Amino acid sequence: MPMLCGGAGPQLDADEKIQKLVEGVKGQVQDKTGKEYDVFVAKTYVKQVVSGTNYFIKVHVGGDDHVHICVYEKLPCHGGEISVERFQVSKSQHEPIGYF
């Protein structure tokens, strides 16, 4: 079933593309949270197509700690830039990722 524009898709396991995406925004996340992360591994994500793409990603940051980040990727015709729009800290491995 195709995803509708504006609707969030199902939760998926992170793949190489999503890991590269989070590695590209690690500095932004560290600046926004005020923390340094030795571990920064994407675990799961939900994708939302808007006038670009929102990725809601659960990232393991060490121990039992996770952060949820919302990464916005502009359409290529608008420059294709990637930015961290929102984040949630102190999340557990078992908390589901979704729109926030």
PDB file of N, CA and C in Angstrom:
ATOM      1  N   MET A   1       0.833  -1.168   0.000  1.00  0.00           N
ATOM      2  CA  MET A   1       0.000   0.000   0.000  1.00  0.00           C
ATOM      3  C   MET A   1       0.886   1.243   0.000  1.00  0.00           C
ATOM      4  N   PRO A   2       0.722   2.164  -0.954  1.00  0.00           N
ATOM      5  CA  PRO A   2       1.559   3.351  -1.005  1.00  0.00           C
ATOM      6  C   PRO A   2       1.246   4.313   0.145  1.00  0.00           C
ATOM      7  N   MET A   3       2.273   5.065   0.546  1.00  0.00           N
ATOM      8  CA  MET A   3       2.105   6.037   1.619  1.00  0.00           C
ATOM      9  C   MET A   3       1.512   7.315   1.030  1.00  0.00           C
ATOM     10  N   LEU A   4       0.522   7.885   1.688  1.00  0.00           N
ATOM     11  CA  LEU A   4      -0.096   9.125   1.250  1.00  0.00           C
ATOM     12  C   LEU A   4       0.756  10.307   1.687  1.00  0.00           C
ATOM     13  N   CYS A   5       0.784  11.345   0.872  1.00  0.00           N
ATOM     14  CA  CYS A   5       1.500  12.565   1.223  1.00  0.00           C
ATOM     15  C   CYS A   5       0.934  13.101   2.529  1.00  0.00           C
ATOM     16  N   GLY A   6       1.806  13.372   3.497  1.00  0.00           N
ATOM     17  CA  GLY A   6       1.389  13.872   4.802  1.00  0.00           C
ATOM     18  C   GLY A   6       1.193  12.789   5.831  1.00  0.00           C
ATOM     19  N   GLY A   7       0.979  11.548   5.396  1.00  0.00           N
ATOM     20  CA  GLY A   7       0.787  10.447   6.328  1.00  0.00           C
ATOM     21  C   GLY A   7       2.112   9.807   6.690  1.00  0.00           C
ATOM     22  N   ALA A   8       2.228   9.360   7.916  1.00  0.00           N
ATOM     23  CA  ALA A   8       3.435   8.663   8.356  1.00  0.00           C
ATOM     24  C   ALA A   8       3.323   7.190   7.995  1.00  0.00           C
ATOM     25  N   GLY A   9       4.436   6.627   7.591  1.00  0.00           N
ATOM     26  CA  GLY A   9       4.479   5.217   7.234  1.00  0.00           C
ATOM     27  C   GLY A   9       4.675   4.341   8.466  1.00  0.00           C
ATOM     28  N   PRO A  10       4.889   3.056   8.248  1.00  0.00           N
ATOM     29  CA  PRO A  10       5.103   2.128   9.362  1.00  0.00           C
ATOM     30  C   PRO A  10       6.505   2.278   9.956  1.00  0.00           C
ATOM     31  N   GLN A  11       6.672   1.795  11.176  1.00  0.00           N
ATOM     32  CA  GLN A  11       7.997   1.776  11.784  1.00  0.00           C
ATOM     33  C   GLN A  11       8.835   0.718  11.080  1.00  0.00           C
ATOM     34  N   LEU A  12      10.045   1.102  10.691  1.00  0.00           N
ATOM     35  CA  LEU A  12      10.951   0.205   9.983  1.00  0.00           C
ATOM     36  C   LEU A  12      12.287   0.144  10.702  1.00  0.00           C
ATOM     37  N   ASP A  13      13.026  -0.953  10.495  1.00  0.00           N
ATOM     38  CA  ASP A  13      14.384  -1.044  11.013  1.00  0.00           C
ATOM     39  C   ASP A  13      15.278  -0.111  10.203  1.00  0.00           C
ATOM     40  N   ALA A  14      16.187   0.562  10.891  1.00  0.00           N
ATOM     41  CA  ALA A  14      17.110   1.471  10.218  1.00  0.00           C
ATOM     42  C   ALA A  14      18.029   0.687   9.291  1.00  0.00           C
ATOM     43  N   ASP A  15      18.325   1.279   8.150  1.00  0.00           N
ATOM     44  CA  ASP A  15      19.237   0.675   7.186  1.00  0.00           C
ATOM     45  C   ASP A  15      20.439   1.601   7.003  1.00  0.00           C
ATOM     46  N   GLU A  16      21.289   1.285   6.047  1.00  0.00           N
ATOM     47  CA  GLU A  16      22.509   2.059   5.807  1.00  0.00           C
ATOM     48  C   GLU A  16      22.196   3.521   5.468  1.00  0.00           C
ATOM     49  N   LYS A  17      21.153   3.760   4.680  1.00  0.00           N
ATOM     50  CA  LYS A  17      20.782   5.133   4.321  1.00  0.00           C
ATOM     51  C   LYS A  17      20.420   5.947   5.557  1.00  0.00           C
ATOM     52  N   ILE A  18      19.637   5.357   6.459  1.00  0.00           N
ATOM     53  CA  ILE A  18      19.213   6.061   7.673  1.00  0.00           C
ATOM     54  C   ILE A  18      20.413   6.284   8.594  1.00  0.00           C
ATOM     55  N   GLN A  19      21.316   5.313   8.688  1.00  0.00           N
ATOM     56  CA  GLN A  19      22.518   5.484   9.510  1.00  0.00           C
ATOM     57  C   GLN A  19      23.366   6.637   8.976  1.00  0.00           C
ATOM     58  N   LYS A  20      23.532   6.726   7.658  1.00  0.00           N
ATOM     59  CA  LYS A  20      24.292   7.841   7.074  1.00  0.00           C
ATOM     60  C   LYS A  20      23.598   9.175   7.350  1.00  0.00           C
ATOM     61  N   LEU A  21      22.284   9.163   7.317  1.00  0.00           N
ATOM     62  CA  LEU A  21      21.510  10.371   7.604  1.00  0.00           C
ATOM     63  C   LEU A  21      21.779  10.851   9.035  1.00  0.00           C
ATOM     64  N   VAL A  22      21.734   9.934  10.012  1.00  0.00           N
ATOM     65  CA  VAL A  22      21.960  10.346  11.402  1.00  0.00           C
ATOM     66  C   VAL A  22      23.412  10.749  11.641  1.00  0.00           C
ATOM     67  N   GLU A  23      24.347  10.098  10.957  1.00  0.00           N
ATOM     68  CA  GLU A  23      25.750  10.501  11.092  1.00  0.00           C
ATOM     69  C   GLU A  23      25.938  11.926  10.582  1.00  0.00           C
ATOM     70  N   GLY A  24      25.186  12.296   9.537  1.00  0.00           N
ATOM     71  CA  GLY A  24      25.282  13.633   8.975  1.00  0.00           C
ATOM     72  C   GLY A  24      24.706  14.721   9.862  1.00  0.00           C
ATOM     73  N   VAL A  25      23.826  14.356  10.792  1.00  0.00           N
ATOM     74  CA  VAL A  25      23.210  15.360  11.678  1.00  0.00           C
ATOM     75  C   VAL A  25      23.655  15.212  13.135  1.00  0.00           C
ATOM     76  N   LYS A  26      24.618  14.342  13.396  1.00  0.00           N
ATOM     77  CA  LYS A  26      25.076  14.113  14.772  1.00  0.00           C
ATOM     78  C   LYS A  26      25.513  15.418  15.436  1.00  0.00           C
ATOM     79  N   GLY A  27      26.249  16.251  14.731  1.00  0.00           N
ATOM     80  CA  GLY A  27      26.704  17.525  15.285  1.00  0.00           C
ATOM     81  C   GLY A  27      25.546  18.433  15.654  1.00  0.00           C
ATOM     82  N   GLN A  28      24.514  18.463  14.811  1.00  0.00           N
ATOM     83  CA  GLN A  28      23.331  19.277  15.113  1.00  0.00           C
ATOM     84  C   GLN A  28      22.638  18.777  16.378  1.00  0.00           C
ATOM     85  N   VAL A  29      22.527  17.452  16.500  1.00  0.00           N
ATOM     86  CA  VAL A  29      21.875  16.869  17.680  1.00  0.00           C
ATOM     87  C   VAL A  29      22.684  17.190  18.934  1.00  0.00           C
ATOM     88  N   GLN A  30      24.002  17.049  18.855  1.00  0.00           N
ATOM     89  CA  GLN A  30      24.854  17.351  20.009  1.00  0.00           C
ATOM     90  C   GLN A  30      24.741  18.826  20.398  1.00  0.00           C
ATOM     91  N   ASP A  31      24.696  19.716  19.400  1.00  0.00           N
ATOM     92  CA  ASP A  31      24.539  21.142  19.693  1.00  0.00           C
ATOM     93  C   ASP A  31      23.198  21.422  20.367  1.00  0.00           C
ATOM     94  N   LYS A  32      22.130  20.803  19.861  1.00  0.00           N
ATOM     95  CA  LYS A  32      20.787  21.053  20.387  1.00  0.00           C
ATOM     96  C   LYS A  32      20.591  20.455  21.781  1.00  0.00           C
ATOM     97  N   THR A  33      21.187  19.284  22.035  1.00  0.00           N
ATOM     98  CA  THR A  33      21.010  18.627  23.340  1.00  0.00           C
ATOM     99  C   THR A  33      22.062  19.052  24.353  1.00  0.00           C
ATOM    100  N   GLY A  34      23.160  19.625  23.878  1.00  0.00           N
ATOM    101  CA  GLY A  34      24.248  20.004  24.774  1.00  0.00           C
ATOM    102  C   GLY A  34      25.032  18.819  25.295  1.00  0.00           C
ATOM    103  N   LYS A  35      24.961  17.689  24.596  1.00  0.00           N
ATOM    104  CA  LYS A  35      25.656  16.472  25.023  1.00  0.00           C
ATOM    105  C   LYS A  35      26.547  15.950  23.892  1.00  0.00           C
ATOM    106  N   GLU A  36      27.625  15.264  24.272  1.00  0.00           N
ATOM    107  CA  GLU A  36      28.492  14.575  23.319  1.00  0.00           C
ATOM    108  C   GLU A  36      28.126  13.092  23.342  1.00  0.00           C
ATOM    109  N   TYR A  37      28.024  12.490  22.165  1.00  0.00           N
ATOM    110  CA  TYR A  37      27.648  11.080  22.076  1.00  0.00           C
ATOM    111  C   TYR A  37      28.763  10.280  21.415  1.00  0.00           C
ATOM    112  N   ASP A  38      29.301   9.294  22.162  1.00  0.00           N
ATOM    113  CA  ASP A  38      30.298   8.388  21.586  1.00  0.00           C
ATOM    114  C   ASP A  38      29.618   7.357  20.693  1.00  0.00           C
ATOM    115  N   VAL A  39      28.417   6.945  21.085  1.00  0.00           N
ATOM    116  CA  VAL A  39      27.618   5.986  20.319  1.00  0.00           C
ATOM    117  C   VAL A  39      26.491   6.774  19.670  1.00  0.00           C
ATOM    118  N   PHE A  40      26.216   6.509  18.389  1.00  0.00           N
ATOM    119  CA  PHE A  40      25.150   7.213  17.671  1.00  0.00           C
ATOM    120  C   PHE A  40      24.662   6.306  16.547  1.00  0.00           C
ATOM    121  N   VAL A  41      23.830   5.336  16.926  1.00  0.00           N
ATOM    122  CA  VAL A  41      23.417   4.282  16.000  1.00  0.00           C
ATOM    123  C   VAL A  41      21.905   4.310  15.799  1.00  0.00           C
ATOM    124  N   ALA A  42      21.499   4.492  14.553  1.00  0.00           N
ATOM    125  CA  ALA A  42      20.070   4.489  14.209  1.00  0.00           C
ATOM    126  C   ALA A  42      19.510   3.088  14.408  1.00  0.00           C
ATOM    127  N   LYS A  43      18.329   3.001  15.040  1.00  0.00           N
ATOM    128  CA  LYS A  43      17.692   1.709  15.304  1.00  0.00           C
ATOM    129  C   LYS A  43      16.431   1.513  14.471  1.00  0.00           C
ATOM    130  N   THR A  44      15.461   2.411  14.602  1.00  0.00           N
ATOM    131  CA  THR A  44      14.216   2.315  13.847  1.00  0.00           C
ATOM    132  C   THR A  44      13.826   3.711  13.384  1.00  0.00           C
ATOM    133  N   TYR A  45      12.905   3.757  12.419  1.00  0.00           N
ATOM    134  CA  TYR A  45      12.454   5.054  11.936  1.00  0.00           C
ATOM    135  C   TYR A  45      11.065   4.959  11.330  1.00  0.00           C
ATOM    136  N   VAL A  46      10.437   6.123  11.222  1.00  0.00           N
ATOM    137  CA  VAL A  46       9.163   6.293  10.545  1.00  0.00           C
ATOM    138  C   VAL A  46       9.368   7.433   9.557  1.00  0.00           C
ATOM    139  N   LYS A  47       8.844   7.276   8.365  1.00  0.00           N
ATOM    140  CA  LYS A  47       9.020   8.265   7.304  1.00  0.00           C
ATOM    141  C   LYS A  47       7.686   8.950   7.018  1.00  0.00           C
ATOM    142  N   GLN A  48       7.723  10.277   6.849  1.00  0.00           N
ATOM    143  CA  GLN A  48       6.538  11.059   6.522  1.00  0.00           C
ATOM    144  C   GLN A  48       6.864  11.939   5.319  1.00  0.00           C
ATOM    145  N   VAL A  49       6.132  11.765   4.233  1.00  0.00           N
ATOM    146  CA  VAL A  49       6.335  12.569   3.037  1.00  0.00           C
ATOM    147  C   VAL A  49       5.465  13.811   3.134  1.00  0.00           C
ATOM    148  N   VAL A  50       6.130  14.969   3.086  1.00  0.00           N
ATOM    149  CA  VAL A  50       5.447  16.265   3.089  1.00  0.00           C
ATOM    150  C   VAL A  50       6.022  17.025   1.893  1.00  0.00           C
ATOM    151  N   SER A  51       6.319  18.298   2.002  1.00  0.00           N
ATOM    152  CA  SER A  51       7.003  19.007   0.922  1.00  0.00           C
ATOM    153  C   SER A  51       8.506  18.781   1.106  1.00  0.00           C
ATOM    154  N   GLY A  52       8.866  17.537   1.116  1.00  0.00           N
ATOM    155  CA  GLY A  52      10.174  16.995   1.469  1.00  0.00           C
ATOM    156  C   GLY A  52       9.879  15.727   2.255  1.00  0.00           C
ATOM    157  N   THR A  53      10.796  15.329   3.100  1.00  0.00           N
ATOM    158  CA  THR A  53      10.578  14.118   3.893  1.00  0.00           C
ATOM    159  C   THR A  53      11.003  14.344   5.331  1.00  0.00           C
ATOM    160  N   ASN A  54      10.121  13.991   6.266  1.00  0.00           N
ATOM    161  CA  ASN A  54      10.467  13.937   7.682  1.00  0.00           C
ATOM    162  C   ASN A  54      10.828  12.501   8.019  1.00  0.00           C
ATOM    163  N   TYR A  55      11.931  12.336   8.716  1.00  0.00           N
ATOM    164  CA  TYR A  55      12.332  11.036   9.233  1.00  0.00           C
ATOM    165  C   TYR A  55      12.314  11.144  10.757  1.00  0.00           C
ATOM    166  N   PHE A  56      11.515  10.333  11.403  1.00  0.00           N
ATOM    167  CA  PHE A  56      11.476  10.251  12.860  1.00  0.00           C
ATOM    168  C   PHE A  56      12.309   9.029  13.224  1.00  0.00           C
ATOM    169  N   ILE A  57      13.469   9.264  13.852  1.00  0.00           N
ATOM    170  CA  ILE A  57      14.468   8.205  14.005  1.00  0.00           C
ATOM    171  C   ILE A  57      14.811   7.993  15.469  1.00  0.00           C
ATOM    172  N   LYS A  58      14.792   6.714  15.888  1.00  0.00           N
ATOM    173  CA  LYS A  58      15.262   6.345  17.231  1.00  0.00           C
ATOM    174  C   LYS A  58      16.753   6.051  17.111  1.00  0.00           C
ATOM    175  N   VAL A  59      17.565   6.754  17.920  1.00  0.00           N
ATOM    176  CA  VAL A  59      19.024   6.619  17.861  1.00  0.00           C
ATOM    177  C   VAL A  59      19.546   6.161  19.218  1.00  0.00           C
ATOM    178  N   HIS A  60      20.302   5.063  19.216  1.00  0.00           N
ATOM    179  CA  HIS A  60      20.955   4.573  20.439  1.00  0.00           C
ATOM    180  C   HIS A  60      22.179   5.446  20.679  1.00  0.00           C
ATOM    181  N   VAL A  61      22.294   6.012  21.915  1.00  0.00           N
ATOM    182  CA  VAL A  61      23.396   6.912  22.225  1.00  0.00           C
ATOM    183  C   VAL A  61      24.268   6.408  23.371  1.00  0.00           C
ATOM    184  N   GLY A  62      24.136   5.135  23.699  1.00  0.00           N
ATOM    185  CA  GLY A  62      24.989   4.532  24.726  1.00  0.00           C
ATOM    186  C   GLY A  62      24.174   4.015  25.899  1.00  0.00           C
ATOM    187  N   GLY A  63      24.665   2.939  26.495  1.00  0.00           N
ATOM    188  CA  GLY A  63      23.975   2.332  27.636  1.00  0.00           C
ATOM    189  C   GLY A  63      22.560   1.954  27.253  1.00  0.00           C
ATOM    190  N   ASP A  64      21.603   2.350  28.084  1.00  0.00           N
ATOM    191  CA  ASP A  64      20.188   2.104  27.788  1.00  0.00           C
ATOM    192  C   ASP A  64      19.515   3.346  27.199  1.00  0.00           C
ATOM    193  N   ASP A  65      20.299   4.375  26.891  1.00  0.00           N
ATOM    194  CA  ASP A  65      19.749   5.663  26.484  1.00  0.00           C
ATOM    195  C   ASP A  65      19.581   5.772  24.969  1.00  0.00           C
ATOM    196  N   HIS A  66      18.475   6.387  24.584  1.00  0.00           N
ATOM    197  CA  HIS A  66      18.161   6.654  23.178  1.00  0.00           C
ATOM    198  C   HIS A  66      17.648   8.080  23.062  1.00  0.00           C
ATOM    199  N   VAL A  67      17.794   8.660  21.882  1.00  0.00           N
ATOM    200  CA  VAL A  67      17.148   9.928  21.565  1.00  0.00           C
ATOM    201  C   VAL A  67      16.268   9.694  20.350  1.00  0.00           C
ATOM    202  N   HIS A  68      15.193  10.452  20.270  1.00  0.00           N
ATOM    203  CA  HIS A  68      14.344  10.441  19.086  1.00  0.00           C
ATOM    204  C   HIS A  68      14.594  11.762  18.376  1.00  0.00           C
ATOM    205  N   ILE A  69      14.879  11.699  17.090  1.00  0.00           N
ATOM    206  CA  ILE A  69      15.128  12.928  16.339  1.00  0.00           C
ATOM    207  C   ILE A  69      14.212  12.986  15.120  1.00  0.00           C
ATOM    208  N   CYS A  70      13.800  14.183  14.779  1.00  0.00           N
ATOM    209  CA  CYS A  70      13.042  14.422  13.555  1.00  0.00           C
ATOM    210  C   CYS A  70      13.977  15.141  12.601  1.00  0.00           C
ATOM    211  N   VAL A  71      14.321  14.468  11.502  1.00  0.00           N
ATOM    212  CA  VAL A  71      15.214  15.023  10.489  1.00  0.00           C
ATOM    213  C   VAL A  71      14.377  15.361   9.266  1.00  0.00           C
ATOM    214  N   TYR A  72      14.504  16.596   8.798  1.00  0.00           N
ATOM    215  CA  TYR A  72      13.773  17.037   7.614  1.00  0.00           C
ATOM    216  C   TYR A  72      14.736  17.122   6.436  1.00  0.00           C
ATOM    217  N   GLU A  73      14.363  16.459   5.349  1.00  0.00           N
ATOM    218  CA  GLU A  73      15.142  16.490   4.108  1.00  0.00           C
ATOM    219  C   GLU A  73      14.335  17.233   3.050  1.00  0.00           C
ATOM    220  N   LYS A  74      14.860  18.380   2.623  1.00  0.00           N
ATOM    221  CA  LYS A  74      14.182  19.159   1.587  1.00  0.00           C
ATOM    222  C   LYS A  74      14.224  18.403   0.267  1.00  0.00           C
ATOM    223  N   LEU A  75      13.273  18.695  -0.592  1.00  0.00           N
ATOM    224  CA  LEU A  75      13.278  18.126  -1.937  1.00  0.00           C
ATOM    225  C   LEU A  75      14.521  18.603  -2.687  1.00  0.00           C
ATOM    226  N   PRO A  76      15.056  17.770  -3.590  1.00  0.00           N
ATOM    227  CA  PRO A  76      16.235  18.176  -4.367  1.00  0.00           C
ATOM    228  C   PRO A  76      16.040  19.505  -5.109  1.00  0.00           C
ATOM    229  N   CYS A  77      14.838  19.760  -5.593  1.00  0.00           N
ATOM    230  CA  CYS A  77      14.584  21.015  -6.314  1.00  0.00           C
ATOM    231  C   CYS A  77      14.633  22.233  -5.396  1.00  0.00           C
ATOM    232  N   HIS A  78      14.635  22.009  -4.083  1.00  0.00           N
ATOM    233  CA  HIS A  78      14.733  23.091  -3.098  1.00  0.00           C
ATOM    234  C   HIS A  78      16.068  23.044  -2.362  1.00  0.00           C
ATOM    235  N   GLY A  79      17.027  22.331  -2.921  1.00  0.00           N
ATOM    236  CA  GLY A  79      18.374  22.288  -2.358  1.00  0.00           C
ATOM    237  C   GLY A  79      18.754  21.005  -1.658  1.00  0.00           C
ATOM    238  N   GLY A  80      17.771  20.211  -1.245  1.00  0.00           N
ATOM    239  CA  GLY A  80      18.048  18.923  -0.624  1.00  0.00           C
ATOM    240  C   GLY A  80      18.709  18.976   0.740  1.00  0.00           C
ATOM    241  N   GLU A  81      18.744  20.154   1.377  1.00  0.00           N
ATOM    242  CA  GLU A  81      19.389  20.254   2.690  1.00  0.00           C
ATOM    243  C   GLU A  81      18.695  19.364   3.722  1.00  0.00           C
ATOM    244  N   ILE A  82      19.476  19.004   4.738  1.00  0.00           N
ATOM    245  CA  ILE A  82      18.986  18.141   5.814  1.00  0.00           C
ATOM    246  C   ILE A  82      19.179  18.875   7.136  1.00  0.00           C
ATOM    247  N   SER A  83      18.135  18.867   7.978  1.00  0.00           N
ATOM    248  CA  SER A  83      18.252  19.550   9.268  1.00  0.00           C
ATOM    249  C   SER A  83      17.468  18.797  10.337  1.00  0.00           C
ATOM    250  N   VAL A  84      17.917  18.961  11.571  1.00  0.00           N
ATOM    251  CA  VAL A  84      17.209  18.397  12.720  1.00  0.00           C
ATOM    252  C   VAL A  84      16.156  19.414  13.137  1.00  0.00           C
ATOM    253  N   GLU A  85      14.894  19.009  13.082  1.00  0.00           N
ATOM    254  CA  GLU A  85      13.781  19.904  13.407  1.00  0.00           C
ATOM    255  C   GLU A  85      13.382  19.818  14.878  1.00  0.00           C
ATOM    256  N   ARG A  86      13.334  18.608  15.416  1.00  0.00           N
ATOM    257  CA  ARG A  86      12.916  18.396  16.798  1.00  0.00           C
ATOM    258  C   ARG A  86      13.682  17.191  17.356  1.00  0.00           C
ATOM    259  N   PHE A  87      13.677  17.075  18.670  1.00  0.00           N
ATOM    260  CA  PHE A  87      14.316  15.920  19.302  1.00  0.00           C
ATOM    261  C   PHE A  87      13.676  15.664  20.650  1.00  0.00           C
ATOM    262  N   GLN A  88      13.823  14.431  21.123  1.00  0.00           N
ATOM    263  CA  GLN A  88      13.390  14.027  22.456  1.00  0.00           C
ATOM    264  C   GLN A  88      14.520  13.215  23.067  1.00  0.00           C
ATOM    265  N   VAL A  89      14.891  13.519  24.296  1.00  0.00           N
ATOM    266  CA  VAL A  89      15.982  12.815  24.967  1.00  0.00           C
ATOM    267  C   VAL A  89      15.438  11.877  26.031  1.00  0.00           C
ATOM    268  N   SER A  90      16.330  11.079  26.599  1.00  0.00           N
ATOM    269  CA  SER A  90      16.003  10.147  27.689  1.00  0.00           C
ATOM    270  C   SER A  90      14.907   9.166  27.295  1.00  0.00           C
ATOM    271  N   LYS A  91      15.003   8.624  26.110  1.00  0.00           N
ATOM    272  CA  LYS A  91      14.066   7.611  25.631  1.00  0.00           C
ATOM    273  C   LYS A  91      14.669   6.229  25.862  1.00  0.00           C
ATOM    274  N   SER A  92      13.805   5.231  26.002  1.00  0.00           N
ATOM    275  CA  SER A  92      14.281   3.861  26.214  1.00  0.00           C
ATOM    276  C   SER A  92      14.235   3.081  24.902  1.00  0.00           C
ATOM    277  N   GLN A  93      14.860   1.945  24.917  1.00  0.00           N
ATOM    278  CA  GLN A  93      14.883   1.052  23.761  1.00  0.00           C
ATOM    279  C   GLN A  93      13.465   0.620  23.368  1.00  0.00           C
ATOM    280  N   HIS A  94      12.578   0.516  24.346  1.00  0.00           N
ATOM    281  CA  HIS A  94      11.254  -0.035  24.097  1.00  0.00           C
ATOM    282  C   HIS A  94      10.194   1.012  23.711  1.00  0.00           C
ATOM    283  N   GLU A  95      10.528   2.277  23.818  1.00  0.00           N
ATOM    284  CA  GLU A  95       9.555   3.303  23.437  1.00  0.00           C
ATOM    285  C   GLU A  95       9.449   3.375  21.923  1.00  0.00           C
ATOM    286  N   PRO A  96       8.248   3.298  21.384  1.00  0.00           N
ATOM    287  CA  PRO A  96       8.097   3.330  19.932  1.00  0.00           C
ATOM    288  C   PRO A  96       8.413   4.702  19.364  1.00  0.00           C
ATOM    289  N   ILE A  97       8.924   4.701  18.157  1.00  0.00           N
ATOM    290  CA  ILE A  97       9.190   5.955  17.459  1.00  0.00           C
ATOM    291  C   ILE A  97       7.972   6.286  16.617  1.00  0.00           C
ATOM    292  N   GLY A  98       7.639   7.550  16.541  1.00  0.00           N
ATOM    293  CA  GLY A  98       6.499   7.985  15.764  1.00  0.00           C
ATOM    294  C   GLY A  98       6.523   9.488  15.637  1.00  0.00           C
ATOM    295  N   TYR A  99       5.472  10.038  15.072  1.00  0.00           N
ATOM    296  CA  TYR A  99       5.387  11.482  14.891  1.00  0.00           C
ATOM    297  C   TYR A  99       5.430  12.204  16.238  1.00  0.00           C
ATOM    298  N   PHE A 100       6.219  13.235  16.317  1.00  0.00           N
ATOM    299  CA  PHE A 100       6.232  14.097  17.514  1.00  0.00           C
ATOM    300  C   PHE A 100       6.548  15.522  17.108  1.00  0.00           C
TER     301      PHE A 100
END
